[in-house]
């Protein structure tokens, strides 16, 4: 079973994302900020990470920059999930190491397509 870590400060987004991912056969863990996400990755590196951009404690960009520098941190596929939709933000996310990008709010079909694009479904 593939594993996914959802890193988002919104409990609602985490709940909706968890429901979609579990229906696609993923085991799911959650973190409400980037620091908590890094701690969970250190304990057990997931196959894929759904990552919010704007969070307290540590932003999504700070998280992915640190993740990609850690041992094994190049392995997970990272999908940014955010309301930031301008080209500059998308470029920054991809440059920092993101594999895909999905706009909030997203539905089951949209997330499934993004996960297919990164080879996780």
PDB file of N, CA and C in Angstrom:
ATOM      1  N   UNK A   1       0.845  -1.186   0.000  1.00  0.00           N
ATOM      2  CA  UNK A   1       0.000   0.000   0.000  1.00  0.00           C
ATOM      3  C   UNK A   1       0.887   1.245   0.000  1.00  0.00           C
ATOM      4  N   UNK A   2       0.603   2.160  -0.900  1.00  0.00           N
ATOM      5  CA  UNK A   2       1.368   3.409  -0.968  1.00  0.00           C
ATOM      6  C   UNK A   2       0.944   4.327   0.173  1.00  0.00           C
ATOM      7  N   UNK A   3       1.899   5.136   0.614  1.00  0.00           N
ATOM      8  CA  UNK A   3       1.622   6.036   1.739  1.00  0.00           C
ATOM      9  C   UNK A   3       1.647   7.493   1.276  1.00  0.00           C
ATOM     10  N   UNK A   4       0.800   8.287   1.927  1.00  0.00           N
ATOM     11  CA  UNK A   4       0.735   9.715   1.628  1.00  0.00           C
ATOM     12  C   UNK A   4       0.728  10.507   2.922  1.00  0.00           C
ATOM     13  N   UNK A   5       1.481  11.590   2.933  1.00  0.00           N
ATOM     14  CA  UNK A   5       1.475  12.531   4.041  1.00  0.00           C
ATOM     15  C   UNK A   5       0.817  13.809   3.545  1.00  0.00           C
ATOM     16  N   UNK A   6      -0.248  14.221   4.235  1.00  0.00           N
ATOM     17  CA  UNK A   6      -0.943  15.473   3.906  1.00  0.00           C
ATOM     18  C   UNK A   6      -0.439  16.531   4.879  1.00  0.00           C
ATOM     19  N   UNK A   7       0.146  17.600   4.344  1.00  0.00           N
ATOM     20  CA  UNK A   7       0.636  18.694   5.193  1.00  0.00           C
ATOM     21  C   UNK A   7      -0.170  19.939   4.855  1.00  0.00           C
ATOM     22  N   UNK A   8      -1.080  20.283   5.754  1.00  0.00           N
ATOM     23  CA  UNK A   8      -1.966  21.436   5.536  1.00  0.00           C
ATOM     24  C   UNK A   8      -2.465  21.910   6.885  1.00  0.00           C
ATOM     25  N   UNK A   9      -2.516  23.225   7.089  1.00  0.00           N
ATOM     26  CA  UNK A   9      -2.994  23.745   8.367  1.00  0.00           C
ATOM     27  C   UNK A   9      -4.519  23.718   8.468  1.00  0.00           C
ATOM     28  N   UNK A  10      -5.217  23.429   7.380  1.00  0.00           N
ATOM     29  CA  UNK A  10      -6.676  23.352   7.402  1.00  0.00           C
ATOM     30  C   UNK A  10      -7.132  21.924   7.697  1.00  0.00           C
ATOM     31  N   UNK A  11      -7.834  21.754   8.819  1.00  0.00           N
ATOM     32  CA  UNK A  11      -8.353  20.446   9.196  1.00  0.00           C
ATOM     33  C   UNK A  11      -9.332  19.939   8.145  1.00  0.00           C
ATOM     34  N   UNK A  12     -10.127  20.836   7.570  1.00  0.00           N
ATOM     35  CA  UNK A  12     -11.108  20.464   6.545  1.00  0.00           C
ATOM     36  C   UNK A  12     -10.412  19.919   5.293  1.00  0.00           C
ATOM     37  N   UNK A  13      -9.380  20.610   4.828  1.00  0.00           N
ATOM     38  CA  UNK A  13      -8.632  20.147   3.653  1.00  0.00           C
ATOM     39  C   UNK A  13      -7.997  18.789   3.935  1.00  0.00           C
ATOM     40  N   UNK A  14      -7.426  18.635   5.133  1.00  0.00           N
ATOM     41  CA  UNK A  14      -6.816  17.337   5.474  1.00  0.00           C
ATOM     42  C   UNK A  14      -7.864  16.228   5.462  1.00  0.00           C
ATOM     43  N   UNK A  15      -9.032  16.520   5.994  1.00  0.00           N
ATOM     44  CA  UNK A  15     -10.103  15.516   6.055  1.00  0.00           C
ATOM     45  C   UNK A  15     -10.583  15.130   4.649  1.00  0.00           C
ATOM     46  N   UNK A  16     -10.830  16.113   3.796  1.00  0.00           N
ATOM     47  CA  UNK A  16     -11.276  15.861   2.416  1.00  0.00           C
ATOM     48  C   UNK A  16     -10.198  15.093   1.644  1.00  0.00           C
ATOM     49  N   UNK A  17      -8.944  15.538   1.770  1.00  0.00           N
ATOM     50  CA  UNK A  17      -7.836  14.879   1.080  1.00  0.00           C
ATOM     51  C   UNK A  17      -7.683  13.433   1.547  1.00  0.00           C
ATOM     52  N   UNK A  18      -7.785  13.222   2.868  1.00  0.00           N
ATOM     53  CA  UNK A  18      -7.675  11.869   3.423  1.00  0.00           C
ATOM     54  C   UNK A  18      -8.735  10.958   2.815  1.00  0.00           C
ATOM     55  N   UNK A  19      -9.964  11.449   2.747  1.00  0.00           N
ATOM     56  CA  UNK A  19     -11.069  10.654   2.192  1.00  0.00           C
ATOM     57  C   UNK A  19     -10.765  10.242   0.742  1.00  0.00           C
ATOM     58  N   UNK A  20     -10.312  11.195  -0.062  1.00  0.00           N
ATOM     59  CA  UNK A  20      -9.989  10.905  -1.471  1.00  0.00           C
ATOM     60  C   UNK A  20      -8.856   9.884  -1.551  1.00  0.00           C
ATOM     61  N   UNK A  21      -7.776  10.132  -0.807  1.00  0.00           N
ATOM     62  CA  UNK A  21      -6.600   9.259  -0.868  1.00  0.00           C
ATOM     63  C   UNK A  21      -6.899   7.847  -0.376  1.00  0.00           C
ATOM     64  N   UNK A  22      -7.680   7.727   0.698  1.00  0.00           N
ATOM     65  CA  UNK A  22      -8.017   6.396   1.194  1.00  0.00           C
ATOM     66  C   UNK A  22      -8.883   5.642   0.193  1.00  0.00           C
ATOM     67  N   UNK A  23      -9.746   6.364  -0.520  1.00  0.00           N
ATOM     68  CA  UNK A  23     -10.572   5.715  -1.545  1.00  0.00           C
ATOM     69  C   UNK A  23      -9.718   5.241  -2.725  1.00  0.00           C
ATOM     70  N   UNK A  24      -8.523   5.831  -2.883  1.00  0.00           N
ATOM     71  CA  UNK A  24      -7.589   5.426  -3.940  1.00  0.00           C
ATOM     72  C   UNK A  24      -6.589   4.370  -3.440  1.00  0.00           C
ATOM     73  N   UNK A  25      -6.755   3.931  -2.190  1.00  0.00           N
ATOM     74  CA  UNK A  25      -5.930   2.856  -1.660  1.00  0.00           C
ATOM     75  C   UNK A  25      -4.662   3.271  -0.938  1.00  0.00           C
ATOM     76  N   UNK A  26      -4.547   4.543  -0.561  1.00  0.00           N
ATOM     77  CA  UNK A  26      -3.368   5.021   0.164  1.00  0.00           C
ATOM     78  C   UNK A  26      -3.548   4.873   1.671  1.00  0.00           C
ATOM     79  N   UNK A  27      -2.439   4.626   2.365  1.00  0.00           N
ATOM     80  CA  UNK A  27      -2.430   4.824   3.813  1.00  0.00           C
ATOM     81  C   UNK A  27      -2.061   6.292   4.007  1.00  0.00           C
ATOM     82  N   UNK A  28      -2.701   6.959   4.957  1.00  0.00           N
ATOM     83  CA  UNK A  28      -2.569   8.414   5.071  1.00  0.00           C
ATOM     84  C   UNK A  28      -2.126   8.833   6.465  1.00  0.00           C
ATOM     85  N   UNK A  29      -1.193   9.768   6.509  1.00  0.00           N
ATOM     86  CA  UNK A  29      -0.814  10.461   7.733  1.00  0.00           C
ATOM     87  C   UNK A  29      -1.030  11.942   7.499  1.00  0.00           C
ATOM     88  N   UNK A  30      -1.174  12.694   8.584  1.00  0.00           N
ATOM     89  CA  UNK A  30      -1.423  14.127   8.476  1.00  0.00           C
ATOM     90  C   UNK A  30      -0.444  14.919   9.333  1.00  0.00           C
ATOM     91  N   UNK A  31      -0.160  16.136   8.878  1.00  0.00           N
ATOM     92  CA  UNK A  31       0.623  17.099   9.649  1.00  0.00           C
ATOM     93  C   UNK A  31       0.000  18.464   9.401  1.00  0.00           C
ATOM     94  N   UNK A  32       0.003  19.321  10.427  1.00  0.00           N
ATOM     95  CA  UNK A  32      -0.650  20.626  10.251  1.00  0.00           C
ATOM     96  C   UNK A  32       0.312  21.758   9.934  1.00  0.00           C
ATOM     97  N   UNK A  33       1.615  21.450   9.843  1.00  0.00           N
ATOM     98  CA  UNK A  33       2.582  22.447   9.388  1.00  0.00           C
ATOM     99  C   UNK A  33       3.839  21.736   8.887  1.00  0.00           C
ATOM    100  N   UNK A  34       4.717  22.492   8.251  1.00  0.00           N
ATOM    101  CA  UNK A  34       5.906  21.914   7.639  1.00  0.00           C
ATOM    102  C   UNK A  34       6.861  21.268   8.628  1.00  0.00           C
ATOM    103  N   UNK A  35       6.996  21.840   9.827  1.00  0.00           N
ATOM    104  CA  UNK A  35       7.898  21.254  10.827  1.00  0.00           C
ATOM    105  C   UNK A  35       7.391  19.882  11.245  1.00  0.00           C
ATOM    106  N   UNK A  36       6.102  19.805  11.524  1.00  0.00           N
ATOM    107  CA  UNK A  36       5.505  18.514  11.894  1.00  0.00           C
ATOM    108  C   UNK A  36       5.653  17.527  10.724  1.00  0.00           C
ATOM    109  N   UNK A  37       5.520  18.028   9.502  1.00  0.00           N
ATOM    110  CA  UNK A  37       5.694  17.189   8.319  1.00  0.00           C
ATOM    111  C   UNK A  37       7.107  16.634   8.213  1.00  0.00           C
ATOM    112  N   UNK A  38       8.108  17.470   8.465  1.00  0.00           N
ATOM    113  CA  UNK A  38       9.504  16.998   8.432  1.00  0.00           C
ATOM    114  C   UNK A  38       9.750  15.942   9.495  1.00  0.00           C
ATOM    115  N   UNK A  39       9.174  16.136  10.687  1.00  0.00           N
ATOM    116  CA  UNK A  39       9.320  15.145  11.757  1.00  0.00           C
ATOM    117  C   UNK A  39       8.728  13.807  11.328  1.00  0.00           C
ATOM    118  N   UNK A  40       7.567  13.837  10.690  1.00  0.00           N
ATOM    119  CA  UNK A  40       6.927  12.592  10.231  1.00  0.00           C
ATOM    120  C   UNK A  40       7.739  11.937   9.116  1.00  0.00           C
ATOM    121  N   UNK A  41       8.323  12.757   8.237  1.00  0.00           N
ATOM    122  CA  UNK A  41       9.168  12.215   7.161  1.00  0.00           C
ATOM    123  C   UNK A  41      10.428  11.562   7.737  1.00  0.00           C
ATOM    124  N   UNK A  42      10.966  12.143   8.804  1.00  0.00           N
ATOM    125  CA  UNK A  42      12.163  11.580   9.437  1.00  0.00           C
ATOM    126  C   UNK A  42      11.842  10.213  10.044  1.00  0.00           C
ATOM    127  N   UNK A  43      10.627  10.071  10.561  1.00  0.00           N
ATOM    128  CA  UNK A  43      10.215   8.800  11.163  1.00  0.00           C
ATOM    129  C   UNK A  43       9.900   7.756  10.091  1.00  0.00           C
ATOM    130  N   UNK A  44       9.230   8.181   9.025  1.00  0.00           N
ATOM    131  CA  UNK A  44       8.852   7.264   7.944  1.00  0.00           C
ATOM    132  C   UNK A  44       8.577   8.079   6.685  1.00  0.00           C
ATOM    133  N   UNK A  45       9.443   7.939   5.693  1.00  0.00           N
ATOM    134  CA  UNK A  45       9.315   8.713   4.455  1.00  0.00           C
ATOM    135  C   UNK A  45       8.132   8.185   3.647  1.00  0.00           C
ATOM    136  N   UNK A  46       7.166   9.059   3.312  1.00  0.00           N
ATOM    137  CA  UNK A  46       6.009   8.618   2.523  1.00  0.00           C
ATOM    138  C   UNK A  46       6.349   8.504   1.037  1.00  0.00           C
ATOM    139  N   UNK A  47       5.461   7.875   0.285  1.00  0.00           N
ATOM    140  CA  UNK A  47       5.627   7.774  -1.170  1.00  0.00           C
ATOM    141  C   UNK A  47       5.259   9.085  -1.850  1.00  0.00           C
ATOM    142  N   UNK A  48       4.248   9.756  -1.298  1.00  0.00           N
ATOM    143  CA  UNK A  48       3.776  11.017  -1.889  1.00  0.00           C
ATOM    144  C   UNK A  48       3.383  11.980  -0.767  1.00  0.00           C
ATOM    145  N   UNK A  49       3.550  13.275  -1.035  1.00  0.00           N
ATOM    146  CA  UNK A  49       3.204  14.317  -0.066  1.00  0.00           C
ATOM    147  C   UNK A  49       2.294  15.327  -0.749  1.00  0.00           C
ATOM    148  N   UNK A  50       1.149  15.592  -0.130  1.00  0.00           N
ATOM    149  CA  UNK A  50       0.286  16.704  -0.555  1.00  0.00           C
ATOM    150  C   UNK A  50       0.653  17.869   0.344  1.00  0.00           C
ATOM    151  N   UNK A  51       1.091  18.965  -0.241  1.00  0.00           N
ATOM    152  CA  UNK A  51       1.699  20.049   0.524  1.00  0.00           C
ATOM    153  C   UNK A  51       1.008  21.382   0.285  1.00  0.00           C
ATOM    154  N   UNK A  52       0.579  22.001   1.377  1.00  0.00           N
ATOM    155  CA  UNK A  52      -0.007  23.340   1.322  1.00  0.00           C
ATOM    156  C   UNK A  52       1.115  24.373   1.220  1.00  0.00           C
ATOM    157  N   UNK A  53       0.812  25.513   0.630  1.00  0.00           N
ATOM    158  CA  UNK A  53       1.795  26.580   0.469  1.00  0.00           C
ATOM    159  C   UNK A  53       1.896  27.444   1.725  1.00  0.00           C
ATOM    160  N   UNK A  54       0.764  28.022   2.119  1.00  0.00           N
ATOM    161  CA  UNK A  54       0.731  28.982   3.226  1.00  0.00           C
ATOM    162  C   UNK A  54       0.350  28.287   4.532  1.00  0.00           C
ATOM    163  N   UNK A  55       1.333  28.155   5.432  1.00  0.00           N
ATOM    164  CA  UNK A  55       1.081  27.543   6.736  1.00  0.00           C
ATOM    165  C   UNK A  55       1.897  28.284   7.789  1.00  0.00           C
ATOM    166  N   UNK A  56       1.424  28.240   9.034  1.00  0.00           N
ATOM    167  CA  UNK A  56       2.231  28.796  10.119  1.00  0.00           C
ATOM    168  C   UNK A  56       3.413  27.864  10.418  1.00  0.00           C
ATOM    169  N   UNK A  57       4.356  28.315  11.189  1.00  0.00           N
ATOM    170  CA  UNK A  57       5.549  27.591  11.636  1.00  0.00           C
ATOM    171  C   UNK A  57       6.557  27.408  10.504  1.00  0.00           C
ATOM    172  N   UNK A  58       6.161  26.748   9.401  1.00  0.00           N
ATOM    173  CA  UNK A  58       7.042  26.537   8.262  1.00  0.00           C
ATOM    174  C   UNK A  58       6.188  26.447   6.998  1.00  0.00           C
ATOM    175  N   UNK A  59       6.484  27.280   6.017  1.00  0.00           N
ATOM    176  CA  UNK A  59       5.704  27.285   4.766  1.00  0.00           C
ATOM    177  C   UNK A  59       6.001  26.039   3.932  1.00  0.00           C
ATOM    178  N   UNK A  60       5.185  25.830   2.917  1.00  0.00           N
ATOM    179  CA  UNK A  60       5.399  24.713   2.005  1.00  0.00           C
ATOM    180  C   UNK A  60       6.730  24.795   1.285  1.00  0.00           C
ATOM    181  N   UNK A  61       7.124  25.994   0.869  1.00  0.00           N
ATOM    182  CA  UNK A  61       8.414  26.179   0.181  1.00  0.00           C
ATOM    183  C   UNK A  61       9.574  25.860   1.124  1.00  0.00           C
ATOM    184  N   UNK A  62       9.490  26.324   2.370  1.00  0.00           N
ATOM    185  CA  UNK A  62      10.539  26.006   3.354  1.00  0.00           C
ATOM    186  C   UNK A  62      10.595  24.499   3.584  1.00  0.00           C
ATOM    187  N   UNK A  63       9.420  23.868   3.688  1.00  0.00           N
ATOM    188  CA  UNK A  63       9.363  22.418   3.900  1.00  0.00           C
ATOM    189  C   UNK A  63      10.040  21.659   2.758  1.00  0.00           C
ATOM    190  N   UNK A  64       9.637  21.950   1.515  1.00  0.00           N
ATOM    191  CA  UNK A  64      10.163  21.164   0.391  1.00  0.00           C
ATOM    192  C   UNK A  64      11.664  21.398   0.207  1.00  0.00           C
ATOM    193  N   UNK A  65      12.128  22.614   0.477  1.00  0.00           N
ATOM    194  CA  UNK A  65      13.555  22.902   0.382  1.00  0.00           C
ATOM    195  C   UNK A  65      14.332  22.041   1.379  1.00  0.00           C
ATOM    196  N   UNK A  66      13.835  21.970   2.609  1.00  0.00           N
ATOM    197  CA  UNK A  66      14.497  21.149   3.636  1.00  0.00           C
ATOM    198  C   UNK A  66      14.360  19.660   3.321  1.00  0.00           C
ATOM    199  N   UNK A  67      13.176  19.246   2.891  1.00  0.00           N
ATOM    200  CA  UNK A  67      12.940  17.829   2.567  1.00  0.00           C
ATOM    201  C   UNK A  67      13.924  17.337   1.522  1.00  0.00           C
ATOM    202  N   UNK A  68      14.059  18.092   0.433  1.00  0.00           N
ATOM    203  CA  UNK A  68      14.912  17.675  -0.676  1.00  0.00           C
ATOM    204  C   UNK A  68      16.390  17.615  -0.280  1.00  0.00           C
ATOM    205  N   UNK A  69      16.763  18.276   0.824  1.00  0.00           N
ATOM    206  CA  UNK A  69      18.155  18.249   1.294  1.00  0.00           C
ATOM    207  C   UNK A  69      18.420  17.100   2.263  1.00  0.00           C
ATOM    208  N   UNK A  70      17.368  16.433   2.744  1.00  0.00           N
ATOM    209  CA  UNK A  70      17.553  15.353   3.713  1.00  0.00           C
ATOM    210  C   UNK A  70      17.799  14.024   3.013  1.00  0.00           C
ATOM    211  N   UNK A  71      18.357  13.098   3.753  1.00  0.00           N
ATOM    212  CA  UNK A  71      18.650  11.768   3.230  1.00  0.00           C
ATOM    213  C   UNK A  71      17.335  11.066   2.877  1.00  0.00           C
ATOM    214  N   UNK A  72      17.173  10.688   1.617  1.00  0.00           N
ATOM    215  CA  UNK A  72      15.937  10.046   1.149  1.00  0.00           C
ATOM    216  C   UNK A  72      14.840  11.035   0.793  1.00  0.00           C
ATOM    217  N   UNK A  73      15.089  12.315   1.007  1.00  0.00           N
ATOM    218  CA  UNK A  73      14.091  13.344   0.746  1.00  0.00           C
ATOM    219  C   UNK A  73      13.841  13.615  -0.723  1.00  0.00           C
ATOM    220  N   UNK A  74      14.648  12.999  -1.582  1.00  0.00           N
ATOM    221  CA  UNK A  74      14.436  13.145  -3.021  1.00  0.00           C
ATOM    222  C   UNK A  74      13.425  12.121  -3.540  1.00  0.00           C
ATOM    223  N   UNK A  75      13.066  11.138  -2.710  1.00  0.00           N
ATOM    224  CA  UNK A  75      12.201  10.041  -3.134  1.00  0.00           C
ATOM    225  C   UNK A  75      10.711  10.375  -3.243  1.00  0.00           C
ATOM    226  N   UNK A  76      10.117  11.027  -2.233  1.00  0.00           N
ATOM    227  CA  UNK A  76       8.657  11.238  -2.331  1.00  0.00           C
ATOM    228  C   UNK A  76       8.272  12.164  -3.485  1.00  0.00           C
ATOM    229  N   UNK A  77       7.148  11.856  -4.097  1.00  0.00           N
ATOM    230  CA  UNK A  77       6.556  12.776  -5.063  1.00  0.00           C
ATOM    231  C   UNK A  77       5.833  13.838  -4.250  1.00  0.00           C
ATOM    232  N   UNK A  78       6.005  15.099  -4.618  1.00  0.00           N
ATOM    233  CA  UNK A  78       5.374  16.198  -3.878  1.00  0.00           C
ATOM    234  C   UNK A  78       4.413  16.937  -4.794  1.00  0.00           C
ATOM    235  N   UNK A  79       3.153  17.020  -4.341  1.00  0.00           N
ATOM    236  CA  UNK A  79       2.121  17.753  -5.065  1.00  0.00           C
ATOM    237  C   UNK A  79       1.717  18.951  -4.203  1.00  0.00           C
ATOM    238  N   UNK A  80       2.022  20.151  -4.688  1.00  0.00           N
ATOM    239  CA  UNK A  80       1.592  21.364  -3.991  1.00  0.00           C
ATOM    240  C   UNK A  80       0.092  21.532  -4.183  1.00  0.00           C
ATOM    241  N   UNK A  81      -0.624  21.783  -3.086  1.00  0.00           N
ATOM    242  CA  UNK A  81      -2.068  22.029  -3.124  1.00  0.00           C
ATOM    243  C   UNK A  81      -2.283  23.414  -2.537  1.00  0.00           C
ATOM    244  N   UNK A  82      -2.684  24.357  -3.384  1.00  0.00           N
ATOM    245  CA  UNK A  82      -2.728  25.733  -2.898  1.00  0.00           C
ATOM    246  C   UNK A  82      -3.705  26.599  -3.677  1.00  0.00           C
ATOM    247  N   UNK A  83      -3.990  27.756  -3.111  1.00  0.00           N
ATOM    248  CA  UNK A  83      -4.823  28.747  -3.789  1.00  0.00           C
ATOM    249  C   UNK A  83      -3.976  29.688  -4.632  1.00  0.00           C
ATOM    250  N   UNK A  84      -2.641  29.605  -4.484  1.00  0.00           N
ATOM    251  CA  UNK A  84      -1.726  30.448  -5.258  1.00  0.00           C
ATOM    252  C   UNK A  84      -1.656  29.903  -6.686  1.00  0.00           C
ATOM    253  N   UNK A  85      -2.188  30.654  -7.657  1.00  0.00           N
ATOM    254  CA  UNK A  85      -2.285  30.081  -9.009  1.00  0.00           C
ATOM    255  C   UNK A  85      -1.536  30.856 -10.086  1.00  0.00           C
ATOM    256  N   UNK A  86      -0.741  31.857  -9.698  1.00  0.00           N
ATOM    257  CA  UNK A  86      -0.031  32.605 -10.736  1.00  0.00           C
ATOM    258  C   UNK A  86       1.226  31.842 -11.157  1.00  0.00           C
ATOM    259  N   UNK A  87       1.701  32.144 -12.345  1.00  0.00           N
ATOM    260  CA  UNK A  87       2.830  31.434 -12.939  1.00  0.00           C
ATOM    261  C   UNK A  87       4.078  31.513 -12.054  1.00  0.00           C
ATOM    262  N   UNK A  88       4.307  32.653 -11.413  1.00  0.00           N
ATOM    263  CA  UNK A  88       5.489  32.821 -10.566  1.00  0.00           C
ATOM    264  C   UNK A  88       5.481  31.818  -9.406  1.00  0.00           C
ATOM    265  N   UNK A  89       4.327  31.624  -8.779  1.00  0.00           N
ATOM    266  CA  UNK A  89       4.231  30.662  -7.676  1.00  0.00           C
ATOM    267  C   UNK A  89       4.446  29.238  -8.173  1.00  0.00           C
ATOM    268  N   UNK A  90       3.847  28.909  -9.307  1.00  0.00           N
ATOM    269  CA  UNK A  90       3.993  27.565  -9.870  1.00  0.00           C
ATOM    270  C   UNK A  90       5.470  27.300 -10.190  1.00  0.00           C
ATOM    271  N   UNK A  91       6.114  28.267 -10.816  1.00  0.00           N
ATOM    272  CA  UNK A  91       7.532  28.144 -11.157  1.00  0.00           C
ATOM    273  C   UNK A  91       8.386  27.963  -9.898  1.00  0.00           C
ATOM    274  N   UNK A  92       8.079  28.747  -8.857  1.00  0.00           N
ATOM    275  CA  UNK A  92       8.834  28.654  -7.599  1.00  0.00           C
ATOM    276  C   UNK A  92       8.679  27.265  -6.974  1.00  0.00           C
ATOM    277  N   UNK A  93       7.462  26.736  -6.991  1.00  0.00           N
ATOM    278  CA  UNK A  93       7.209  25.407  -6.419  1.00  0.00           C
ATOM    279  C   UNK A  93       7.973  24.323  -7.176  1.00  0.00           C
ATOM    280  N   UNK A  94       7.928  24.365  -8.495  1.00  0.00           N
ATOM    281  CA  UNK A  94       8.618  23.367  -9.318  1.00  0.00           C
ATOM    282  C   UNK A  94      10.140  23.503  -9.132  1.00  0.00           C
ATOM    283  N   UNK A  95      10.636  24.727  -9.092  1.00  0.00           N
ATOM    284  CA  UNK A  95      12.077  24.963  -8.879  1.00  0.00           C
ATOM    285  C   UNK A  95      12.537  24.431  -7.524  1.00  0.00           C
ATOM    286  N   UNK A  96      11.653  24.520  -6.521  1.00  0.00           N
ATOM    287  CA  UNK A  96      12.006  24.054  -5.175  1.00  0.00           C
ATOM    288  C   UNK A  96      11.978  22.534  -5.071  1.00  0.00           C
ATOM    289  N   UNK A  97      11.388  21.867  -6.070  1.00  0.00           N
ATOM    290  CA  UNK A  97      11.389  20.406  -6.051  1.00  0.00           C
ATOM    291  C   UNK A  97      10.029  19.752  -6.114  1.00  0.00           C
ATOM    292  N   UNK A  98       8.968  20.527  -6.316  1.00  0.00           N
ATOM    293  CA  UNK A  98       7.630  19.934  -6.433  1.00  0.00           C
ATOM    294  C   UNK A  98       7.512  19.161  -7.744  1.00  0.00           C
ATOM    295  N   UNK A  99       6.731  18.091  -7.721  1.00  0.00           N
ATOM    296  CA  UNK A  99       6.513  17.282  -8.923  1.00  0.00           C
ATOM    297  C   UNK A  99       5.248  17.697  -9.667  1.00  0.00           C
ATOM    298  N   UNK A 100       4.270  18.212  -8.934  1.00  0.00           N
ATOM    299  CA  UNK A 100       3.001  18.640  -9.540  1.00  0.00           C
ATOM    300  C   UNK A 100       2.397  19.733  -8.686  1.00  0.00           C
ATOM    301  N   UNK A 101       1.291  20.261  -9.171  1.00  0.00           N
ATOM    302  CA  UNK A 101       0.659  21.426  -8.577  1.00  0.00           C
ATOM    303  C   UNK A 101      -0.841  21.288  -8.792  1.00  0.00           C
ATOM    304  N   UNK A 102      -1.639  21.439  -7.732  1.00  0.00           N
ATOM    305  CA  UNK A 102      -3.092  21.365  -7.874  1.00  0.00           C
ATOM    306  C   UNK A 102      -3.728  22.543  -7.134  1.00  0.00           C
ATOM    307  N   UNK A 103      -4.737  23.113  -7.762  1.00  0.00           N
ATOM    308  CA  UNK A 103      -5.428  24.267  -7.189  1.00  0.00           C
ATOM    309  C   UNK A 103      -6.516  23.838  -6.204  1.00  0.00           C
ATOM    310  N   UNK A 104      -6.609  24.569  -5.099  1.00  0.00           N
ATOM    311  CA  UNK A 104      -7.725  24.386  -4.159  1.00  0.00           C
ATOM    312  C   UNK A 104      -8.872  25.262  -4.632  1.00  0.00           C
ATOM    313  N   UNK A 105     -10.103  24.867  -4.468  1.00  0.00           N
ATOM    314  CA  UNK A 105     -10.492  23.529  -4.010  1.00  0.00           C
ATOM    315  C   UNK A 105     -10.377  22.530  -5.150  1.00  0.00           C
ATOM    316  N   UNK A 106     -10.035  21.302  -4.820  1.00  0.00           N
ATOM    317  CA  UNK A 106      -9.932  20.251  -5.832  1.00  0.00           C
ATOM    318  C   UNK A 106     -10.904  19.130  -5.483  1.00  0.00           C
ATOM    319  N   UNK A 107     -11.213  18.306  -6.473  1.00  0.00           N
ATOM    320  CA  UNK A 107     -12.118  17.193  -6.244  1.00  0.00           C
ATOM    321  C   UNK A 107     -11.376  15.873  -6.447  1.00  0.00           C
ATOM    322  N   UNK A 108     -12.088  14.780  -6.274  1.00  0.00           N
ATOM    323  CA  UNK A 108     -11.523  13.428  -6.387  1.00  0.00           C
ATOM    324  C   UNK A 108     -10.843  13.227  -7.738  1.00  0.00           C
ATOM    325  N   UNK A 109     -11.544  13.581  -8.800  1.00  0.00           N
ATOM    326  CA  UNK A 109     -11.025  13.364 -10.154  1.00  0.00           C
ATOM    327  C   UNK A 109      -9.735  14.161 -10.404  1.00  0.00           C
ATOM    328  N   UNK A 110      -9.730  15.427  -9.990  1.00  0.00           N
ATOM    329  CA  UNK A 110      -8.560  16.286 -10.202  1.00  0.00           C
ATOM    330  C   UNK A 110      -7.350  15.741  -9.453  1.00  0.00           C
ATOM    331  N   UNK A 111      -7.536  15.361  -8.193  1.00  0.00           N
ATOM    332  CA  UNK A 111      -6.419  14.839  -7.413  1.00  0.00           C
ATOM    333  C   UNK A 111      -5.938  13.503  -7.987  1.00  0.00           C
ATOM    334  N   UNK A 112      -6.847  12.676  -8.418  1.00  0.00           N
ATOM    335  CA  UNK A 112      -6.480  11.386  -9.007  1.00  0.00           C
ATOM    336  C   UNK A 112      -5.629  11.595 -10.270  1.00  0.00           C
ATOM    337  N   UNK A 113      -6.023  12.546 -11.102  1.00  0.00           N
ATOM    338  CA  UNK A 113      -5.261  12.850 -12.323  1.00  0.00           C
ATOM    339  C   UNK A 113      -3.843  13.307 -11.968  1.00  0.00           C
ATOM    340  N   UNK A 114      -3.709  14.195 -10.969  1.00  0.00           N
ATOM    341  CA  UNK A 114      -2.385  14.688 -10.557  1.00  0.00           C
ATOM    342  C   UNK A 114      -1.530  13.546 -10.027  1.00  0.00           C
ATOM    343  N   UNK A 115      -2.133  12.638  -9.275  1.00  0.00           N
ATOM    344  CA  UNK A 115      -1.391  11.494  -8.740  1.00  0.00           C
ATOM    345  C   UNK A 115      -0.982  10.532  -9.852  1.00  0.00           C
ATOM    346  N   UNK A 116      -1.811  10.425 -10.880  1.00  0.00           N
ATOM    347  CA  UNK A 116      -1.450   9.607 -12.055  1.00  0.00           C
ATOM    348  C   UNK A 116      -0.257  10.234 -12.776  1.00  0.00           C
ATOM    349  N   UNK A 117      -0.262  11.561 -12.893  1.00  0.00           N
ATOM    350  CA  UNK A 117       0.824  12.265 -13.584  1.00  0.00           C
ATOM    351  C   UNK A 117       2.187  12.046 -12.914  1.00  0.00           C
ATOM    352  N   UNK A 118       2.182  11.853 -11.589  1.00  0.00           N
ATOM    353  CA  UNK A 118       3.443  11.614 -10.880  1.00  0.00           C
ATOM    354  C   UNK A 118       3.700  10.116 -10.652  1.00  0.00           C
ATOM    355  N   UNK A 119       2.861   9.271 -11.257  1.00  0.00           N
ATOM    356  CA  UNK A 119       3.078   7.827 -11.206  1.00  0.00           C
ATOM    357  C   UNK A 119       2.679   7.161  -9.910  1.00  0.00           C
ATOM    358  N   UNK A 120       1.743   7.747  -9.187  1.00  0.00           N
ATOM    359  CA  UNK A 120       1.356   7.193  -7.885  1.00  0.00           C
ATOM    360  C   UNK A 120       0.010   6.465  -7.908  1.00  0.00           C
ATOM    361  N   UNK A 121      -0.725   6.532  -9.016  1.00  0.00           N
ATOM    362  CA  UNK A 121      -2.023   5.825  -9.106  1.00  0.00           C
ATOM    363  C   UNK A 121      -2.001   4.953 -10.344  1.00  0.00           C
TER     364      UNK A 121
END
